[in-house]
Amino acid sequence: MTRPTGLQAVRENERFTVTLIATAVQAVAVLMRITGLSKTDTINRAVQVYAFLAEEMENGKEVLLRDKDGNLERVHIV
């Protein structure tokens, strides 16, 4: 995965305090269980993936999932 161009100039760590909604808390817990990552690493990666996908979609690309049978499904991220 390439870094989004808007983030290339940022090199320093920055601390954020955020309040997550219940579904986001559950999603973080699921990701932590699946990946074995810490809460901080999980949220860092999630933000990076979201930025990557948002930039790709902004450039006209689509997000598609392919199941084991080869069927494609378009993913809509709102």
PDB file of N, CA and C in Angstrom:
ATOM      1  N   MET A   1       0.858  -1.174   0.000  1.00  0.00           N
ATOM      2  CA  MET A   1       0.000   0.000   0.000  1.00  0.00           C
ATOM      3  C   MET A   1       0.901   1.232   0.000  1.00  0.00           C
ATOM      4  N   THR A   2       0.647   2.171  -0.899  1.00  0.00           N
ATOM      5  CA  THR A   2       1.418   3.400  -0.931  1.00  0.00           C
ATOM      6  C   THR A   2       0.817   4.393   0.039  1.00  0.00           C
ATOM      7  N   ARG A   3       1.640   5.306   0.467  1.00  0.00           N
ATOM      8  CA  ARG A   3       1.172   6.346   1.382  1.00  0.00           C
ATOM      9  C   ARG A   3       0.383   7.398   0.635  1.00  0.00           C
ATOM     10  N   PRO A   4      -0.743   7.848   1.188  1.00  0.00           N
ATOM     11  CA  PRO A   4      -1.478   8.945   0.549  1.00  0.00           C
ATOM     12  C   PRO A   4      -0.588  10.174   0.434  1.00  0.00           C
ATOM     13  N   THR A   5      -0.656  10.856  -0.703  1.00  0.00           N
ATOM     14  CA  THR A   5       0.230  11.982  -0.945  1.00  0.00           C
ATOM     15  C   THR A   5       0.057  13.092   0.075  1.00  0.00           C
ATOM     16  N   GLY A   6      -1.129  13.270   0.607  1.00  0.00           N
ATOM     17  CA  GLY A   6      -1.354  14.321   1.587  1.00  0.00           C
ATOM     18  C   GLY A   6      -0.639  14.081   2.900  1.00  0.00           C
ATOM     19  N   LEU A   7      -0.194  12.841   3.142  1.00  0.00           N
ATOM     20  CA  LEU A   7       0.455  12.515   4.409  1.00  0.00           C
ATOM     21  C   LEU A   7       1.960  12.404   4.288  1.00  0.00           C
ATOM     22  N   GLN A   8       2.508  12.503   3.098  1.00  0.00           N
ATOM     23  CA  GLN A   8       3.941  12.302   2.929  1.00  0.00           C
ATOM     24  C   GLN A   8       4.781  13.325   3.682  1.00  0.00           C
ATOM     25  N   ALA A   9       4.298  14.541   3.819  1.00  0.00           N
ATOM     26  CA  ALA A   9       5.078  15.579   4.473  1.00  0.00           C
ATOM     27  C   ALA A   9       5.039  15.456   5.998  1.00  0.00           C
ATOM     28  N   VAL A  10       4.090  14.720   6.550  1.00  0.00           N
ATOM     29  CA  VAL A  10       3.947  14.582   7.993  1.00  0.00           C
ATOM     30  C   VAL A  10       4.893  13.501   8.473  1.00  0.00           C
ATOM     31  N   ARG A  11       5.821  13.875   9.380  1.00  0.00           N
ATOM     32  CA  ARG A  11       6.805  12.918   9.850  1.00  0.00           C
ATOM     33  C   ARG A  11       6.764  12.727  11.360  1.00  0.00           C
ATOM     34  N   GLU A  12       6.086  13.586  12.065  1.00  0.00           N
ATOM     35  CA  GLU A  12       6.072  13.522  13.519  1.00  0.00           C
ATOM     36  C   GLU A  12       4.841  12.787  14.024  1.00  0.00           C
ATOM     37  N   ASN A  13       5.007  12.146  15.185  1.00  0.00           N
ATOM     38  CA  ASN A  13       3.849  11.554  15.853  1.00  0.00           C
ATOM     39  C   ASN A  13       3.006  12.667  16.448  1.00  0.00           C
ATOM     40  N   GLU A  14       1.725  12.445  16.510  1.00  0.00           N
ATOM     41  CA  GLU A  14       0.824  13.411  17.121  1.00  0.00           C
ATOM     42  C   GLU A  14      -0.217  12.653  17.921  1.00  0.00           C
ATOM     43  N   ARG A  15      -0.480  13.127  19.116  1.00  0.00           N
ATOM     44  CA  ARG A  15      -1.452  12.485  19.989  1.00  0.00           C
ATOM     45  C   ARG A  15      -2.827  13.101  19.746  1.00  0.00           C
ATOM     46  N   PHE A  16      -3.837  12.233  19.602  1.00  0.00           N
ATOM     47  CA  PHE A  16      -5.212  12.657  19.443  1.00  0.00           C
ATOM     48  C   PHE A  16      -6.051  12.041  20.554  1.00  0.00           C
ATOM     49  N   THR A  17      -7.041  12.769  20.995  1.00  0.00           N
ATOM     50  CA  THR A  17      -8.035  12.218  21.909  1.00  0.00           C
ATOM     51  C   THR A  17      -9.349  12.220  21.157  1.00  0.00           C
ATOM     52  N   VAL A  18      -9.924  11.035  20.989  1.00  0.00           N
ATOM     53  CA  VAL A  18     -11.171  10.919  20.243  1.00  0.00           C
ATOM     54  C   VAL A  18     -12.171  10.101  21.042  1.00  0.00           C
ATOM     55  N   THR A  19     -13.429  10.354  20.788  1.00  0.00           N
ATOM     56  CA  THR A  19     -14.496   9.545  21.356  1.00  0.00           C
ATOM     57  C   THR A  19     -15.111   8.756  20.215  1.00  0.00           C
ATOM     58  N   LEU A  20     -15.032   7.435  20.301  1.00  0.00           N
ATOM     59  CA  LEU A  20     -15.564   6.581  19.255  1.00  0.00           C
ATOM     60  C   LEU A  20     -17.005   6.201  19.568  1.00  0.00           C
ATOM     61  N   ILE A  21     -17.813   6.113  18.521  1.00  0.00           N
ATOM     62  CA  ILE A  21     -19.183   5.635  18.696  1.00  0.00           C
ATOM     63  C   ILE A  21     -19.129   4.124  18.946  1.00  0.00           C
ATOM     64  N   ALA A  22     -20.229   3.576  19.431  1.00  0.00           N
ATOM     65  CA  ALA A  22     -20.263   2.164  19.832  1.00  0.00           C
ATOM     66  C   ALA A  22     -19.852   1.221  18.698  1.00  0.00           C
ATOM     67  N   THR A  23     -20.324   1.484  17.488  1.00  0.00           N
ATOM     68  CA  THR A  23     -19.980   0.578  16.381  1.00  0.00           C
ATOM     69  C   THR A  23     -18.491   0.637  16.049  1.00  0.00           C
ATOM     70  N   ALA A  24     -17.876   1.804  16.204  1.00  0.00           N
ATOM     71  CA  ALA A  24     -16.433   1.922  15.971  1.00  0.00           C
ATOM     72  C   ALA A  24     -15.650   1.197  17.061  1.00  0.00           C
ATOM     73  N   VAL A  25     -16.121   1.274  18.299  1.00  0.00           N
ATOM     74  CA  VAL A  25     -15.481   0.549  19.405  1.00  0.00           C
ATOM     75  C   VAL A  25     -15.533  -0.948  19.122  1.00  0.00           C
ATOM     76  N   GLN A  26     -16.686  -1.424  18.667  1.00  0.00           N
ATOM     77  CA  GLN A  26     -16.823  -2.845  18.341  1.00  0.00           C
ATOM     78  C   GLN A  26     -15.908  -3.228  17.181  1.00  0.00           C
ATOM     79  N   ALA A  27     -15.804  -2.367  16.193  1.00  0.00           N
ATOM     80  CA  ALA A  27     -14.944  -2.648  15.041  1.00  0.00           C
ATOM     81  C   ALA A  27     -13.478  -2.724  15.464  1.00  0.00           C
ATOM     82  N   VAL A  28     -13.059  -1.829  16.350  1.00  0.00           N
ATOM     83  CA  VAL A  28     -11.686  -1.876  16.852  1.00  0.00           C
ATOM     84  C   VAL A  28     -11.444  -3.183  17.594  1.00  0.00           C
ATOM     85  N   ALA A  29     -12.400  -3.600  18.413  1.00  0.00           N
ATOM     86  CA  ALA A  29     -12.263  -4.856  19.153  1.00  0.00           C
ATOM     87  C   ALA A  29     -12.155  -6.048  18.199  1.00  0.00           C
ATOM     88  N   VAL A  30     -12.961  -6.058  17.144  1.00  0.00           N
ATOM     89  CA  VAL A  30     -12.903  -7.142  16.159  1.00  0.00           C
ATOM     90  C   VAL A  30     -11.536  -7.162  15.482  1.00  0.00           C
ATOM     91  N   LEU A  31     -11.068  -5.989  15.057  1.00  0.00           N
ATOM     92  CA  LEU A  31      -9.763  -5.913  14.398  1.00  0.00           C
ATOM     93  C   LEU A  31      -8.630  -6.340  15.326  1.00  0.00           C
ATOM     94  N   MET A  32      -8.702  -5.953  16.592  1.00  0.00           N
ATOM     95  CA  MET A  32      -7.680  -6.353  17.554  1.00  0.00           C
ATOM     96  C   MET A  32      -7.665  -7.875  17.707  1.00  0.00           C
ATOM     97  N   ARG A  33      -8.843  -8.482  17.776  1.00  0.00           N
ATOM     98  CA  ARG A  33      -8.935  -9.930  17.919  1.00  0.00           C
ATOM     99  C   ARG A  33      -8.373 -10.634  16.682  1.00  0.00           C
ATOM    100  N   ILE A  34      -8.741 -10.143  15.498  1.00  0.00           N
ATOM    101  CA  ILE A  34      -8.307 -10.788  14.253  1.00  0.00           C
ATOM    102  C   ILE A  34      -6.803 -10.623  14.032  1.00  0.00           C
ATOM    103  N   THR A  35      -6.285  -9.419  14.281  1.00  0.00           N
ATOM    104  CA  THR A  35      -4.888  -9.119  13.945  1.00  0.00           C
ATOM    105  C   THR A  35      -3.914  -9.361  15.091  1.00  0.00           C
ATOM    106  N   GLY A  36      -4.419  -9.311  16.325  1.00  0.00           N
ATOM    107  CA  GLY A  36      -3.526  -9.417  17.471  1.00  0.00           C
ATOM    108  C   GLY A  36      -2.761  -8.131  17.753  1.00  0.00           C
ATOM    109  N   LEU A  37      -3.153  -7.050  17.091  1.00  0.00           N
ATOM    110  CA  LEU A  37      -2.481  -5.765  17.289  1.00  0.00           C
ATOM    111  C   LEU A  37      -3.035  -5.043  18.507  1.00  0.00           C
ATOM    112  N   SER A  38      -2.272  -4.078  19.001  1.00  0.00           N
ATOM    113  CA  SER A  38      -2.730  -3.238  20.101  1.00  0.00           C
ATOM    114  C   SER A  38      -3.805  -2.283  19.600  1.00  0.00           C
ATOM    115  N   LYS A  39      -4.479  -1.653  20.528  1.00  0.00           N
ATOM    116  CA  LYS A  39      -5.509  -0.678  20.164  1.00  0.00           C
ATOM    117  C   LYS A  39      -4.907   0.460  19.338  1.00  0.00           C
ATOM    118  N   THR A  40      -3.762   0.960  19.767  1.00  0.00           N
ATOM    119  CA  THR A  40      -3.106   2.060  19.047  1.00  0.00           C
ATOM    120  C   THR A  40      -2.728   1.643  17.634  1.00  0.00           C
ATOM    121  N   ASP A  41      -2.086   0.479  17.495  1.00  0.00           N
ATOM    122  CA  ASP A  41      -1.684   0.009  16.164  1.00  0.00           C
ATOM    123  C   ASP A  41      -2.896  -0.254  15.276  1.00  0.00           C
ATOM    124  N   THR A  42      -3.953  -0.806  15.858  1.00  0.00           N
ATOM    125  CA  THR A  42      -5.174  -1.076  15.102  1.00  0.00           C
ATOM    126  C   THR A  42      -5.766   0.212  14.557  1.00  0.00           C
ATOM    127  N   ILE A  43      -5.897   1.225  15.392  1.00  0.00           N
ATOM    128  CA  ILE A  43      -6.482   2.500  14.954  1.00  0.00           C
ATOM    129  C   ILE A  43      -5.563   3.190  13.950  1.00  0.00           C
ATOM    130  N   ASN A  44      -4.245   3.146  14.167  1.00  0.00           N
ATOM    131  CA  ASN A  44      -3.306   3.731  13.207  1.00  0.00           C
ATOM    132  C   ASN A  44      -3.463   3.094  11.834  1.00  0.00           C
ATOM    133  N   ARG A  45      -3.521   1.779  11.785  1.00  0.00           N
ATOM    134  CA  ARG A  45      -3.653   1.093  10.496  1.00  0.00           C
ATOM    135  C   ARG A  45      -5.005   1.373   9.854  1.00  0.00           C
ATOM    136  N   ALA A  46      -6.047   1.409  10.658  1.00  0.00           N
ATOM    137  CA  ALA A  46      -7.388   1.675  10.115  1.00  0.00           C
ATOM    138  C   ALA A  46      -7.438   3.052   9.458  1.00  0.00           C
ATOM    139  N   VAL A  47      -6.851   4.042  10.086  1.00  0.00           N
ATOM    140  CA  VAL A  47      -6.844   5.391   9.519  1.00  0.00           C
ATOM    141  C   VAL A  47      -6.037   5.418   8.226  1.00  0.00           C
ATOM    142  N   GLN A  48      -4.913   4.712   8.196  1.00  0.00           N
ATOM    143  CA  GLN A  48      -4.097   4.663   6.987  1.00  0.00           C
ATOM    144  C   GLN A  48      -4.830   3.982   5.836  1.00  0.00           C
ATOM    145  N   VAL A  49      -5.508   2.889   6.129  1.00  0.00           N
ATOM    146  CA  VAL A  49      -6.260   2.177   5.086  1.00  0.00           C
ATOM    147  C   VAL A  49      -7.391   3.056   4.573  1.00  0.00           C
ATOM    148  N   TYR A  50      -8.096   3.720   5.479  1.00  0.00           N
ATOM    149  CA  TYR A  50      -9.197   4.592   5.064  1.00  0.00           C
ATOM    150  C   TYR A  50      -8.679   5.732   4.182  1.00  0.00           C
ATOM    151  N   ALA A  51      -7.548   6.335   4.554  1.00  0.00           N
ATOM    152  CA  ALA A  51      -6.975   7.415   3.746  1.00  0.00           C
ATOM    153  C   ALA A  51      -6.578   6.904   2.361  1.00  0.00           C
ATOM    154  N   PHE A  52      -5.972   5.718   2.312  1.00  0.00           N
ATOM    155  CA  PHE A  52      -5.582   5.127   1.035  1.00  0.00           C
ATOM    156  C   PHE A  52      -6.806   4.898   0.151  1.00  0.00           C
ATOM    157  N   LEU A  53      -7.844   4.274   0.720  1.00  0.00           N
ATOM    158  CA  LEU A  53      -9.054   3.989  -0.057  1.00  0.00           C
ATOM    159  C   LEU A  53      -9.739   5.277  -0.512  1.00  0.00           C
ATOM    160  N   ALA A  54      -9.827   6.259   0.375  1.00  0.00           N
ATOM    161  CA  ALA A  54     -10.475   7.533   0.023  1.00  0.00           C
ATOM    162  C   ALA A  54      -9.738   8.211  -1.124  1.00  0.00           C
ATOM    163  N   GLU A  55      -8.410   8.188  -1.078  1.00  0.00           N
ATOM    164  CA  GLU A  55      -7.636   8.820  -2.147  1.00  0.00           C
ATOM    165  C   GLU A  55      -7.802   8.074  -3.470  1.00  0.00           C
ATOM    166  N   GLU A  56      -7.786   6.748  -3.408  1.00  0.00           N
ATOM    167  CA  GLU A  56      -7.973   5.958  -4.626  1.00  0.00           C
ATOM    168  C   GLU A  56      -9.357   6.212  -5.232  1.00  0.00           C
ATOM    169  N   MET A  57     -10.389   6.256  -4.390  1.00  0.00           N
ATOM    170  CA  MET A  57     -11.739   6.519  -4.886  1.00  0.00           C
ATOM    171  C   MET A  57     -11.847   7.931  -5.443  1.00  0.00           C
ATOM    172  N   GLU A  58     -11.156   8.879  -4.823  1.00  0.00           N
ATOM    173  CA  GLU A  58     -11.152  10.245  -5.327  1.00  0.00           C
ATOM    174  C   GLU A  58     -10.545  10.302  -6.735  1.00  0.00           C
ATOM    175  N   ASN A  59      -9.624   9.368  -7.005  1.00  0.00           N
ATOM    176  CA  ASN A  59      -8.971   9.301  -8.315  1.00  0.00           C
ATOM    177  C   ASN A  59      -9.724   8.409  -9.297  1.00  0.00           C
ATOM    178  N   GLY A  60     -10.975   8.090  -8.971  1.00  0.00           N
ATOM    179  CA  GLY A  60     -11.828   7.377  -9.910  1.00  0.00           C
ATOM    180  C   GLY A  60     -11.800   5.861  -9.812  1.00  0.00           C
ATOM    181  N   LYS A  61     -11.110   5.321  -8.824  1.00  0.00           N
ATOM    182  CA  LYS A  61     -11.070   3.865  -8.686  1.00  0.00           C
ATOM    183  C   LYS A  61     -12.231   3.380  -7.827  1.00  0.00           C
ATOM    184  N   GLU A  62     -12.539   2.080  -7.949  1.00  0.00           N
ATOM    185  CA  GLU A  62     -13.601   1.457  -7.165  1.00  0.00           C
ATOM    186  C   GLU A  62     -12.997   0.426  -6.229  1.00  0.00           C
ATOM    187  N   VAL A  63     -13.679   0.172  -5.125  1.00  0.00           N
ATOM    188  CA  VAL A  63     -13.264  -0.872  -4.193  1.00  0.00           C
ATOM    189  C   VAL A  63     -14.154  -2.084  -4.467  1.00  0.00           C
ATOM    190  N   LEU A  64     -13.515  -3.204  -4.790  1.00  0.00           N
ATOM    191  CA  LEU A  64     -14.239  -4.424  -5.112  1.00  0.00           C
ATOM    192  C   LEU A  64     -13.745  -5.571  -4.236  1.00  0.00           C
ATOM    193  N   LEU A  65     -14.664  -6.436  -3.831  1.00  0.00           N
ATOM    194  CA  LEU A  65     -14.317  -7.653  -3.107  1.00  0.00           C
ATOM    195  C   LEU A  65     -14.643  -8.841  -3.991  1.00  0.00           C
ATOM    196  N   ARG A  66     -13.727  -9.818  -4.004  1.00  0.00           N
ATOM    197  CA  ARG A  66     -13.950 -11.028  -4.784  1.00  0.00           C
ATOM    198  C   ARG A  66     -14.054 -12.192  -3.813  1.00  0.00           C
ATOM    199  N   ASP A  67     -15.139 -12.982  -3.912  1.00  0.00           N
ATOM    200  CA  ASP A  67     -15.282 -14.139  -3.027  1.00  0.00           C
ATOM    201  C   ASP A  67     -14.529 -15.328  -3.615  1.00  0.00           C
ATOM    202  N   LYS A  68     -14.537 -16.439  -2.913  1.00  0.00           N
ATOM    203  CA  LYS A  68     -13.762 -17.610  -3.336  1.00  0.00           C
ATOM    204  C   LYS A  68     -14.232 -18.193  -4.666  1.00  0.00           C
ATOM    205  N   ASP A  69     -15.471 -17.874  -5.065  1.00  0.00           N
ATOM    206  CA  ASP A  69     -15.995 -18.348  -6.347  1.00  0.00           C
ATOM    207  C   ASP A  69     -15.735 -17.366  -7.491  1.00  0.00           C
ATOM    208  N   GLY A  70     -15.085 -16.251  -7.197  1.00  0.00           N
ATOM    209  CA  GLY A  70     -14.773 -15.272  -8.230  1.00  0.00           C
ATOM    210  C   GLY A  70     -15.820 -14.199  -8.427  1.00  0.00           C
ATOM    211  N   ASN A  71     -16.885 -14.219  -7.621  1.00  0.00           N
ATOM    212  CA  ASN A  71     -17.924 -13.195  -7.729  1.00  0.00           C
ATOM    213  C   ASN A  71     -17.423 -11.882  -7.150  1.00  0.00           C
ATOM    214  N   LEU A  72     -17.718 -10.784  -7.850  1.00  0.00           N
ATOM    215  CA  LEU A  72     -17.299  -9.461  -7.402  1.00  0.00           C
ATOM    216  C   LEU A  72     -18.450  -8.705  -6.781  1.00  0.00           C
ATOM    217  N   GLU A  73     -18.110  -7.930  -5.753  1.00  0.00           N
ATOM    218  CA  GLU A  73     -19.085  -7.051  -5.108  1.00  0.00           C
ATOM    219  C   GLU A  73     -18.433  -5.687  -4.911  1.00  0.00           C
ATOM    220  N   ARG A  74     -19.109  -4.645  -5.356  1.00  0.00           N
ATOM    221  CA  ARG A  74     -18.608  -3.280  -5.175  1.00  0.00           C
ATOM    222  C   ARG A  74     -18.867  -2.838  -3.753  1.00  0.00           C
ATOM    223  N   VAL A  75     -17.864  -2.233  -3.133  1.00  0.00           N
ATOM    224  CA  VAL A  75     -17.975  -1.741  -1.755  1.00  0.00           C
ATOM    225  C   VAL A  75     -18.203  -0.239  -1.816  1.00  0.00           C
ATOM    226  N   HIS A  76     -19.242   0.218  -1.137  1.00  0.00           N
ATOM    227  CA  HIS A  76     -19.519   1.661  -1.061  1.00  0.00           C
ATOM    228  C   HIS A  76     -19.108   2.145   0.326  1.00  0.00           C
ATOM    229  N   ILE A  77     -18.175   3.065   0.368  1.00  0.00           N
ATOM    230  CA  ILE A  77     -17.721   3.639   1.627  1.00  0.00           C
ATOM    231  C   ILE A  77     -18.265   5.053   1.699  1.00  0.00           C
ATOM    232  N   VAL A  78     -19.081   5.293   2.697  1.00  0.00           N
ATOM    233  CA  VAL A  78     -19.707   6.614   2.827  1.00  0.00           C
ATOM    234  C   VAL A  78     -19.165   7.356   4.017  1.00  0.00           C
TER     235      VAL A  78
END
